[in-house]
């Protein structure tokens, strides 16, 4: 607890008798991190192996929308170039929709933001894969978003 109105889990290090905040906790030993990592790796493997039905299953509905079409397009483009792409799962953040900051604990989170690094051999792109368990028992992939601070956008 950082006091005042901001409650969060932080990682700290003690140096010369003083404690220093080194970052926000990603809850590396939680059941949630294991679950989210497994879901994301399975999804990325489906893209890499061009398993179209499994890779696109999150964005199929009786009534199609622009949002669903845009999500499918992102994944279809990744499938198309999958032979040249390498995928890396980066930091996983847990959020609670009711709070304007990361979740205090992974157990109480409703969303996970997973940083995905994609290398095509000539450039690196970063994406955020959003998972939600709001109104659900377990996390499920919700969306792909280009990371606004992507390395590829800095050059």
N, C-alpha and C. Protein backbone atom coordinates (compact mmCIF):
# COMPACT_ATOMS: atom_id res chain seq x y z
N UNK A 1 0.85 -1.18 0.00
CA UNK A 1 0.00 0.00 0.00
C UNK A 1 0.89 1.24 0.00
N UNK A 2 0.69 2.09 -0.98
CA UNK A 2 1.51 3.30 -1.09
C UNK A 2 0.90 4.47 -0.32
N UNK A 3 -0.24 4.26 0.31
CA UNK A 3 -0.86 5.31 1.09
C UNK A 3 -1.80 6.17 0.29
N UNK A 4 -2.44 7.10 0.96
CA UNK A 4 -3.43 7.99 0.38
C UNK A 4 -4.49 7.20 -0.37
N UNK A 5 -4.72 7.50 -1.64
CA UNK A 5 -5.79 6.85 -2.39
C UNK A 5 -5.28 5.78 -3.33
N UNK A 6 -3.99 5.59 -3.39
CA UNK A 6 -3.41 4.70 -4.40
C UNK A 6 -2.92 3.42 -3.73
N UNK A 7 -3.61 2.33 -3.97
CA UNK A 7 -3.22 1.04 -3.42
C UNK A 7 -2.75 0.18 -4.58
N UNK A 8 -1.60 -0.44 -4.41
CA UNK A 8 -1.09 -1.30 -5.47
C UNK A 8 0.02 -2.17 -4.93
N UNK A 9 0.33 -3.23 -5.62
CA UNK A 9 1.45 -4.09 -5.27
C UNK A 9 2.68 -3.56 -5.99
N UNK A 10 3.74 -3.37 -5.23
CA UNK A 10 4.97 -2.87 -5.83
C UNK A 10 6.11 -3.83 -5.52
N UNK A 11 7.12 -3.81 -6.37
CA UNK A 11 8.34 -4.56 -6.12
C UNK A 11 9.35 -3.59 -5.54
N UNK A 12 10.01 -4.05 -4.48
CA UNK A 12 10.95 -3.17 -3.79
C UNK A 12 12.27 -3.91 -3.57
N UNK A 13 13.31 -3.13 -3.37
CA UNK A 13 14.62 -3.68 -3.05
C UNK A 13 15.17 -2.89 -1.86
N UNK A 14 15.83 -3.60 -0.97
CA UNK A 14 16.42 -2.93 0.19
C UNK A 14 17.92 -2.77 -0.06
N UNK A 15 18.38 -1.53 0.01
CA UNK A 15 19.79 -1.24 -0.23
C UNK A 15 20.28 -0.31 0.87
N UNK A 16 21.33 -0.74 1.56
CA UNK A 16 21.91 0.05 2.65
C UNK A 16 20.86 0.46 3.68
N UNK A 17 19.96 -0.47 3.99
CA UNK A 17 18.94 -0.22 5.00
C UNK A 17 17.74 0.58 4.53
N UNK A 18 17.74 1.02 3.29
CA UNK A 18 16.61 1.79 2.74
C UNK A 18 15.87 0.97 1.70
N UNK A 19 14.54 1.11 1.70
CA UNK A 19 13.71 0.42 0.71
C UNK A 19 13.45 1.34 -0.47
N UNK A 20 13.56 0.80 -1.68
CA UNK A 20 13.30 1.55 -2.90
C UNK A 20 12.30 0.80 -3.77
N UNK A 21 11.35 1.55 -4.33
CA UNK A 21 10.40 0.95 -5.26
C UNK A 21 11.10 0.77 -6.60
N UNK A 22 11.07 -0.45 -7.12
CA UNK A 22 11.72 -0.73 -8.41
C UNK A 22 10.71 -0.90 -9.53
N UNK A 23 9.44 -1.04 -9.19
CA UNK A 23 8.41 -1.20 -10.21
C UNK A 23 7.14 -1.77 -9.62
N UNK A 24 6.14 -1.88 -10.46
CA UNK A 24 4.88 -2.47 -10.04
C UNK A 24 4.96 -3.98 -10.19
N UNK A 25 4.36 -4.69 -9.28
CA UNK A 25 4.40 -6.14 -9.32
C UNK A 25 3.62 -6.69 -10.51
N UNK A 26 4.18 -7.70 -11.13
CA UNK A 26 3.48 -8.41 -12.20
C UNK A 26 2.94 -9.74 -11.66
N UNK A 27 3.02 -9.92 -10.35
CA UNK A 27 2.49 -11.10 -9.66
C UNK A 27 3.00 -12.39 -10.30
N UNK A 28 4.32 -12.57 -10.38
CA UNK A 28 4.90 -13.69 -11.14
C UNK A 28 4.53 -15.08 -10.64
N UNK A 29 4.14 -15.22 -9.40
CA UNK A 29 3.82 -16.56 -8.88
C UNK A 29 2.32 -16.82 -8.78
N UNK A 30 1.51 -15.93 -9.30
CA UNK A 30 0.05 -16.09 -9.17
C UNK A 30 -0.50 -17.11 -10.16
N UNK A 31 -1.64 -17.69 -9.81
CA UNK A 31 -2.34 -18.60 -10.72
C UNK A 31 -2.77 -17.85 -11.98
N UNK A 32 -3.13 -16.58 -11.81
CA UNK A 32 -3.58 -15.77 -12.94
C UNK A 32 -2.49 -15.60 -13.99
N UNK A 33 -1.26 -15.38 -13.55
CA UNK A 33 -0.18 -15.19 -14.52
C UNK A 33 0.04 -16.48 -15.31
N UNK A 34 -0.05 -17.61 -14.64
CA UNK A 34 0.10 -18.90 -15.33
C UNK A 34 -1.02 -19.11 -16.33
N UNK A 35 -2.24 -18.78 -15.93
CA UNK A 35 -3.40 -18.96 -16.81
C UNK A 35 -3.32 -18.05 -18.03
N UNK A 36 -3.04 -16.77 -17.81
CA UNK A 36 -2.96 -15.80 -18.91
C UNK A 36 -1.82 -16.17 -19.86
N UNK A 37 -0.67 -16.53 -19.31
CA UNK A 37 0.47 -16.92 -20.15
C UNK A 37 0.11 -18.11 -21.02
N UNK A 38 -0.56 -19.09 -20.45
CA UNK A 38 -0.97 -20.28 -21.20
C UNK A 38 -1.93 -19.93 -22.33
N UNK A 39 -2.93 -19.10 -22.03
CA UNK A 39 -3.92 -18.69 -23.05
C UNK A 39 -3.23 -17.94 -24.19
N UNK A 40 -2.35 -17.01 -23.84
CA UNK A 40 -1.67 -16.19 -24.85
C UNK A 40 -0.73 -17.04 -25.70
N UNK A 41 0.04 -17.92 -25.07
CA UNK A 41 0.96 -18.77 -25.84
C UNK A 41 0.19 -19.69 -26.79
N UNK A 42 -0.93 -20.22 -26.33
CA UNK A 42 -1.75 -21.08 -27.20
C UNK A 42 -2.25 -20.28 -28.40
N UNK A 43 -2.71 -19.05 -28.15
CA UNK A 43 -3.20 -18.19 -29.23
C UNK A 43 -2.08 -17.87 -30.23
N UNK A 44 -0.90 -17.51 -29.72
CA UNK A 44 0.23 -17.21 -30.60
C UNK A 44 0.66 -18.44 -31.39
N UNK A 45 0.62 -19.61 -30.77
CA UNK A 45 0.93 -20.85 -31.50
C UNK A 45 -0.08 -21.11 -32.60
N UNK A 46 -1.36 -20.81 -32.35
CA UNK A 46 -2.38 -20.97 -33.38
C UNK A 46 -2.11 -20.03 -34.56
N UNK A 47 -1.65 -18.83 -34.27
CA UNK A 47 -1.29 -17.89 -35.35
C UNK A 47 -0.08 -18.43 -36.11
N UNK A 48 0.96 -18.78 -35.37
CA UNK A 48 2.21 -19.26 -35.99
C UNK A 48 1.98 -20.50 -36.85
N UNK A 49 1.11 -21.39 -36.38
CA UNK A 49 0.82 -22.64 -37.10
C UNK A 49 -0.31 -22.48 -38.11
N UNK A 50 -0.78 -21.25 -38.28
CA UNK A 50 -1.83 -20.91 -39.25
C UNK A 50 -3.12 -21.71 -39.04
N UNK A 51 -3.43 -21.92 -37.76
CA UNK A 51 -4.68 -22.58 -37.38
C UNK A 51 -5.76 -21.50 -37.33
N UNK A 52 -6.27 -21.15 -38.49
CA UNK A 52 -7.14 -19.98 -38.68
C UNK A 52 -8.37 -20.01 -37.77
N UNK A 53 -9.08 -21.12 -37.73
CA UNK A 53 -10.32 -21.18 -36.94
C UNK A 53 -10.07 -20.90 -35.47
N UNK A 54 -9.03 -21.51 -34.91
CA UNK A 54 -8.72 -21.29 -33.50
C UNK A 54 -8.21 -19.87 -33.26
N UNK A 55 -7.37 -19.36 -34.14
CA UNK A 55 -6.80 -18.03 -33.97
C UNK A 55 -7.85 -16.93 -34.05
N UNK A 56 -8.91 -17.15 -34.84
CA UNK A 56 -9.94 -16.13 -35.04
C UNK A 56 -11.20 -16.34 -34.21
N UNK A 57 -11.26 -17.39 -33.41
CA UNK A 57 -12.50 -17.74 -32.72
C UNK A 57 -13.03 -16.66 -31.77
N UNK A 58 -12.18 -15.81 -31.29
CA UNK A 58 -12.61 -14.78 -30.33
C UNK A 58 -13.39 -13.65 -30.99
N UNK A 59 -13.33 -13.56 -32.31
CA UNK A 59 -13.95 -12.44 -33.01
C UNK A 59 -15.00 -12.88 -34.01
N UNK A 60 -15.66 -14.00 -33.71
CA UNK A 60 -16.76 -14.48 -34.54
C UNK A 60 -18.05 -14.33 -33.75
N UNK A 61 -19.06 -13.77 -34.39
CA UNK A 61 -20.36 -13.58 -33.73
C UNK A 61 -21.45 -13.65 -34.78
N UNK A 62 -22.67 -13.86 -34.31
CA UNK A 62 -23.81 -13.91 -35.24
C UNK A 62 -23.93 -12.61 -36.01
N UNK A 63 -23.75 -11.51 -35.30
CA UNK A 63 -23.85 -10.19 -35.93
C UNK A 63 -22.45 -9.57 -35.98
N UNK A 64 -21.93 -9.38 -37.18
CA UNK A 64 -20.59 -8.84 -37.34
C UNK A 64 -20.59 -7.33 -37.11
N UNK A 65 -19.48 -6.82 -36.60
CA UNK A 65 -19.32 -5.38 -36.37
C UNK A 65 -17.98 -4.94 -36.96
N UNK A 66 -17.80 -3.63 -37.07
CA UNK A 66 -16.52 -3.09 -37.55
C UNK A 66 -15.39 -3.50 -36.61
N UNK A 67 -15.70 -3.48 -35.32
CA UNK A 67 -14.70 -3.85 -34.32
C UNK A 67 -14.23 -5.29 -34.54
N UNK A 68 -15.17 -6.22 -34.67
CA UNK A 68 -14.81 -7.63 -34.88
C UNK A 68 -14.03 -7.80 -36.17
N UNK A 69 -14.46 -7.12 -37.22
CA UNK A 69 -13.77 -7.20 -38.52
C UNK A 69 -12.33 -6.68 -38.40
N UNK A 70 -12.14 -5.59 -37.67
CA UNK A 70 -10.80 -5.02 -37.48
C UNK A 70 -9.91 -5.97 -36.69
N UNK A 71 -10.48 -6.61 -35.67
CA UNK A 71 -9.71 -7.57 -34.88
C UNK A 71 -9.30 -8.77 -35.74
N UNK A 72 -10.24 -9.28 -36.52
CA UNK A 72 -9.93 -10.41 -37.40
C UNK A 72 -8.84 -10.03 -38.41
N UNK A 73 -8.93 -8.81 -38.94
CA UNK A 73 -7.94 -8.36 -39.93
C UNK A 73 -6.53 -8.35 -39.33
N UNK A 74 -6.41 -7.86 -38.10
CA UNK A 74 -5.11 -7.85 -37.44
C UNK A 74 -4.54 -9.26 -37.34
N UNK A 75 -5.37 -10.19 -36.88
CA UNK A 75 -4.91 -11.58 -36.71
C UNK A 75 -4.66 -12.24 -38.06
N UNK A 76 -5.51 -11.98 -39.04
CA UNK A 76 -5.31 -12.55 -40.38
C UNK A 76 -3.98 -12.09 -40.98
N UNK A 77 -3.62 -10.82 -40.77
CA UNK A 77 -2.34 -10.31 -41.27
C UNK A 77 -1.17 -10.99 -40.58
N UNK A 78 -1.32 -11.27 -39.29
CA UNK A 78 -0.27 -11.98 -38.57
C UNK A 78 -0.14 -13.42 -39.07
N UNK A 79 -1.28 -14.06 -39.33
CA UNK A 79 -1.27 -15.43 -39.86
C UNK A 79 -0.59 -15.45 -41.22
N UNK A 80 -0.92 -14.47 -42.04
CA UNK A 80 -0.36 -14.38 -43.40
C UNK A 80 1.17 -14.32 -43.39
N UNK A 81 1.72 -13.58 -42.45
CA UNK A 81 3.18 -13.43 -42.38
C UNK A 81 3.84 -14.31 -41.34
N UNK A 82 3.10 -15.27 -40.80
CA UNK A 82 3.57 -16.08 -39.67
C UNK A 82 4.90 -16.78 -39.90
N UNK A 83 5.18 -17.18 -41.13
CA UNK A 83 6.42 -17.90 -41.41
C UNK A 83 7.66 -17.05 -41.13
N UNK A 84 7.54 -15.74 -41.27
CA UNK A 84 8.67 -14.84 -41.06
C UNK A 84 8.66 -14.20 -39.67
N UNK A 85 7.64 -14.45 -38.88
CA UNK A 85 7.49 -13.76 -37.60
C UNK A 85 7.94 -14.61 -36.42
N UNK A 86 8.54 -13.93 -35.44
CA UNK A 86 8.77 -14.56 -34.14
C UNK A 86 7.99 -13.75 -33.12
N UNK A 87 7.35 -14.46 -32.21
CA UNK A 87 6.50 -13.84 -31.19
C UNK A 87 7.15 -14.01 -29.82
N UNK A 88 7.06 -12.96 -29.03
CA UNK A 88 7.56 -13.02 -27.66
C UNK A 88 6.51 -12.43 -26.74
N UNK A 89 6.23 -13.14 -25.65
CA UNK A 89 5.30 -12.64 -24.65
C UNK A 89 6.11 -11.77 -23.69
N UNK A 90 5.69 -10.52 -23.55
CA UNK A 90 6.37 -9.59 -22.66
C UNK A 90 5.64 -9.47 -21.33
N UNK A 91 5.71 -8.30 -20.74
CA UNK A 91 5.12 -8.06 -19.43
C UNK A 91 3.60 -8.26 -19.45
N UNK A 92 3.09 -8.79 -18.36
CA UNK A 92 1.65 -8.96 -18.18
C UNK A 92 1.23 -8.08 -17.01
N UNK A 93 0.28 -7.20 -17.27
CA UNK A 93 -0.25 -6.31 -16.23
C UNK A 93 -1.68 -6.73 -15.91
N UNK A 94 -2.03 -6.68 -14.64
CA UNK A 94 -3.40 -6.97 -14.22
C UNK A 94 -4.09 -5.68 -13.80
N UNK A 95 -5.31 -5.49 -14.29
CA UNK A 95 -6.08 -4.29 -14.03
C UNK A 95 -7.47 -4.65 -13.52
N UNK A 96 -8.04 -3.74 -12.77
CA UNK A 96 -9.43 -3.85 -12.35
C UNK A 96 -10.15 -2.68 -12.98
N UNK A 97 -11.20 -2.96 -13.71
CA UNK A 97 -11.89 -1.90 -14.46
C UNK A 97 -12.38 -0.77 -13.56
N UNK A 98 -12.67 -1.08 -12.31
CA UNK A 98 -13.20 -0.05 -11.42
C UNK A 98 -12.12 0.86 -10.85
N UNK A 99 -10.86 0.54 -11.07
CA UNK A 99 -9.75 1.34 -10.54
C UNK A 99 -8.94 1.97 -11.67
N UNK A 100 -8.44 3.18 -11.45
CA UNK A 100 -7.65 3.85 -12.50
C UNK A 100 -6.17 3.46 -12.48
N UNK A 101 -5.87 2.30 -11.94
CA UNK A 101 -4.49 1.83 -11.84
C UNK A 101 -4.48 0.31 -11.87
N UNK A 102 -3.30 -0.26 -11.90
CA UNK A 102 -3.18 -1.71 -11.90
C UNK A 102 -3.89 -2.30 -10.69
N UNK A 103 -4.34 -3.54 -10.84
CA UNK A 103 -5.04 -4.21 -9.75
C UNK A 103 -4.11 -4.42 -8.56
N UNK A 104 -4.68 -4.31 -7.38
CA UNK A 104 -3.91 -4.51 -6.16
C UNK A 104 -3.38 -5.94 -6.08
N UNK A 105 -4.18 -6.86 -6.58
CA UNK A 105 -3.76 -8.26 -6.61
C UNK A 105 -4.27 -8.90 -7.89
N UNK A 106 -3.56 -9.89 -8.38
CA UNK A 106 -3.98 -10.57 -9.60
C UNK A 106 -5.33 -11.25 -9.41
N UNK A 107 -5.58 -11.74 -8.20
CA UNK A 107 -6.83 -12.44 -7.91
C UNK A 107 -8.05 -11.53 -8.08
N UNK A 108 -7.88 -10.25 -7.83
CA UNK A 108 -9.01 -9.30 -7.89
C UNK A 108 -9.09 -8.57 -9.23
N UNK A 109 -8.25 -8.93 -10.16
CA UNK A 109 -8.23 -8.24 -11.45
C UNK A 109 -9.35 -8.73 -12.36
N UNK A 110 -9.76 -7.85 -13.27
CA UNK A 110 -10.77 -8.23 -14.27
C UNK A 110 -10.18 -8.20 -15.68
N UNK A 111 -9.05 -7.55 -15.84
CA UNK A 111 -8.41 -7.46 -17.15
C UNK A 111 -6.92 -7.75 -17.04
N UNK A 112 -6.37 -8.27 -18.12
CA UNK A 112 -4.92 -8.46 -18.23
C UNK A 112 -4.48 -7.81 -19.53
N UNK A 113 -3.41 -7.04 -19.46
CA UNK A 113 -2.81 -6.44 -20.66
C UNK A 113 -1.47 -7.14 -20.86
N UNK A 114 -1.32 -7.79 -22.01
CA UNK A 114 -0.12 -8.56 -22.29
C UNK A 114 0.63 -7.90 -23.43
N UNK A 115 1.89 -7.58 -23.19
CA UNK A 115 2.71 -6.98 -24.24
C UNK A 115 3.27 -8.09 -25.12
N UNK A 116 3.04 -7.96 -26.42
CA UNK A 116 3.51 -8.94 -27.39
C UNK A 116 4.52 -8.25 -28.30
N UNK A 117 5.71 -8.84 -28.41
CA UNK A 117 6.75 -8.31 -29.27
C UNK A 117 6.83 -9.22 -30.49
N UNK A 118 6.72 -8.63 -31.68
CA UNK A 118 6.75 -9.39 -32.92
C UNK A 118 7.91 -8.89 -33.77
N UNK A 119 8.78 -9.82 -34.14
CA UNK A 119 9.96 -9.51 -34.95
C UNK A 119 9.80 -10.19 -36.31
N UNK A 120 9.88 -9.39 -37.38
CA UNK A 120 9.76 -9.97 -38.73
C UNK A 120 11.12 -10.10 -39.42
N UNK A 121 12.18 -9.91 -38.65
CA UNK A 121 13.53 -10.01 -39.20
C UNK A 121 14.13 -8.67 -39.57
N UNK A 122 13.28 -7.69 -39.87
CA UNK A 122 13.79 -6.36 -40.22
C UNK A 122 13.29 -5.27 -39.28
N UNK A 123 12.19 -5.53 -38.60
CA UNK A 123 11.69 -4.54 -37.64
C UNK A 123 10.93 -5.25 -36.53
N UNK A 124 10.82 -4.54 -35.43
CA UNK A 124 10.10 -5.06 -34.27
C UNK A 124 8.84 -4.23 -34.08
N UNK A 125 7.72 -4.92 -33.88
CA UNK A 125 6.45 -4.25 -33.59
C UNK A 125 5.97 -4.71 -32.23
N UNK A 126 5.30 -3.82 -31.53
CA UNK A 126 4.75 -4.17 -30.22
C UNK A 126 3.24 -4.04 -30.26
N UNK A 127 2.60 -4.99 -29.63
CA UNK A 127 1.14 -4.99 -29.51
C UNK A 127 0.76 -5.21 -28.06
N UNK A 128 -0.47 -4.85 -27.73
CA UNK A 128 -1.06 -5.21 -26.45
C UNK A 128 -2.20 -6.17 -26.75
N UNK A 129 -2.18 -7.30 -26.10
CA UNK A 129 -3.26 -8.26 -26.20
C UNK A 129 -4.06 -8.11 -24.90
N UNK A 130 -5.33 -7.78 -25.01
CA UNK A 130 -6.17 -7.55 -23.84
C UNK A 130 -7.01 -8.79 -23.58
N UNK A 131 -6.98 -9.26 -22.33
CA UNK A 131 -7.82 -10.38 -21.91
C UNK A 131 -8.76 -9.88 -20.83
N UNK A 132 -9.96 -10.44 -20.79
CA UNK A 132 -10.95 -10.03 -19.80
C UNK A 132 -11.56 -11.26 -19.15
N UNK A 133 -11.91 -11.10 -17.89
CA UNK A 133 -12.72 -12.11 -17.22
C UNK A 133 -13.91 -11.45 -16.52
N UNK A 134 -14.22 -10.24 -16.97
CA UNK A 134 -15.38 -9.55 -16.43
C UNK A 134 -16.62 -10.33 -16.86
N UNK A 135 -17.45 -10.68 -15.90
CA UNK A 135 -18.67 -11.48 -16.12
C UNK A 135 -18.35 -12.90 -16.59
N UNK A 136 -17.12 -13.35 -16.39
CA UNK A 136 -16.71 -14.70 -16.78
C UNK A 136 -15.91 -15.32 -15.64
N UNK A 137 -15.73 -16.62 -15.70
CA UNK A 137 -14.97 -17.30 -14.66
C UNK A 137 -13.47 -17.28 -14.93
N UNK A 138 -13.10 -17.21 -16.21
CA UNK A 138 -11.67 -17.21 -16.53
C UNK A 138 -11.36 -16.19 -17.62
N UNK A 139 -10.08 -15.86 -17.74
CA UNK A 139 -9.67 -14.89 -18.74
C UNK A 139 -9.91 -15.42 -20.14
N UNK A 140 -10.28 -14.49 -21.03
CA UNK A 140 -10.50 -14.80 -22.44
C UNK A 140 -9.97 -13.62 -23.25
N UNK A 141 -9.35 -13.93 -24.39
CA UNK A 141 -8.79 -12.87 -25.24
C UNK A 141 -9.91 -11.99 -25.76
N UNK A 142 -9.69 -10.68 -25.67
CA UNK A 142 -10.70 -9.71 -26.10
C UNK A 142 -10.24 -8.91 -27.32
N UNK A 143 -8.98 -8.44 -27.31
CA UNK A 143 -8.56 -7.59 -28.43
C UNK A 143 -7.04 -7.53 -28.59
N UNK A 144 -6.65 -7.20 -29.83
CA UNK A 144 -5.28 -6.87 -30.20
C UNK A 144 -5.24 -5.36 -30.42
N UNK A 145 -4.23 -4.70 -29.86
CA UNK A 145 -4.06 -3.26 -30.06
C UNK A 145 -2.59 -2.98 -30.35
N UNK A 146 -2.35 -2.09 -31.29
CA UNK A 146 -0.97 -1.64 -31.53
C UNK A 146 -0.53 -0.86 -30.31
N UNK A 147 0.68 -1.12 -29.85
CA UNK A 147 1.22 -0.41 -28.70
C UNK A 147 1.67 0.97 -29.17
N UNK A 148 1.11 2.04 -28.60
CA UNK A 148 1.47 3.39 -29.07
C UNK A 148 2.94 3.73 -28.86
N UNK A 149 3.63 3.00 -28.01
CA UNK A 149 5.05 3.26 -27.78
C UNK A 149 5.91 2.21 -28.46
N UNK A 150 5.40 1.64 -29.52
CA UNK A 150 6.10 0.58 -30.23
C UNK A 150 7.44 1.06 -30.75
N UNK A 151 8.43 0.20 -30.62
CA UNK A 151 9.77 0.52 -31.13
C UNK A 151 9.69 0.85 -32.61
N UNK A 152 8.86 0.11 -33.35
CA UNK A 152 8.77 0.33 -34.79
C UNK A 152 8.22 1.71 -35.13
N UNK A 153 7.50 2.31 -34.20
CA UNK A 153 6.93 3.63 -34.47
C UNK A 153 7.88 4.76 -34.07
N UNK A 154 8.98 4.41 -33.42
CA UNK A 154 9.93 5.44 -32.99
C UNK A 154 10.94 5.77 -34.08
N UNK A 155 11.07 4.92 -35.07
CA UNK A 155 12.08 5.12 -36.12
C UNK A 155 11.43 5.44 -37.44
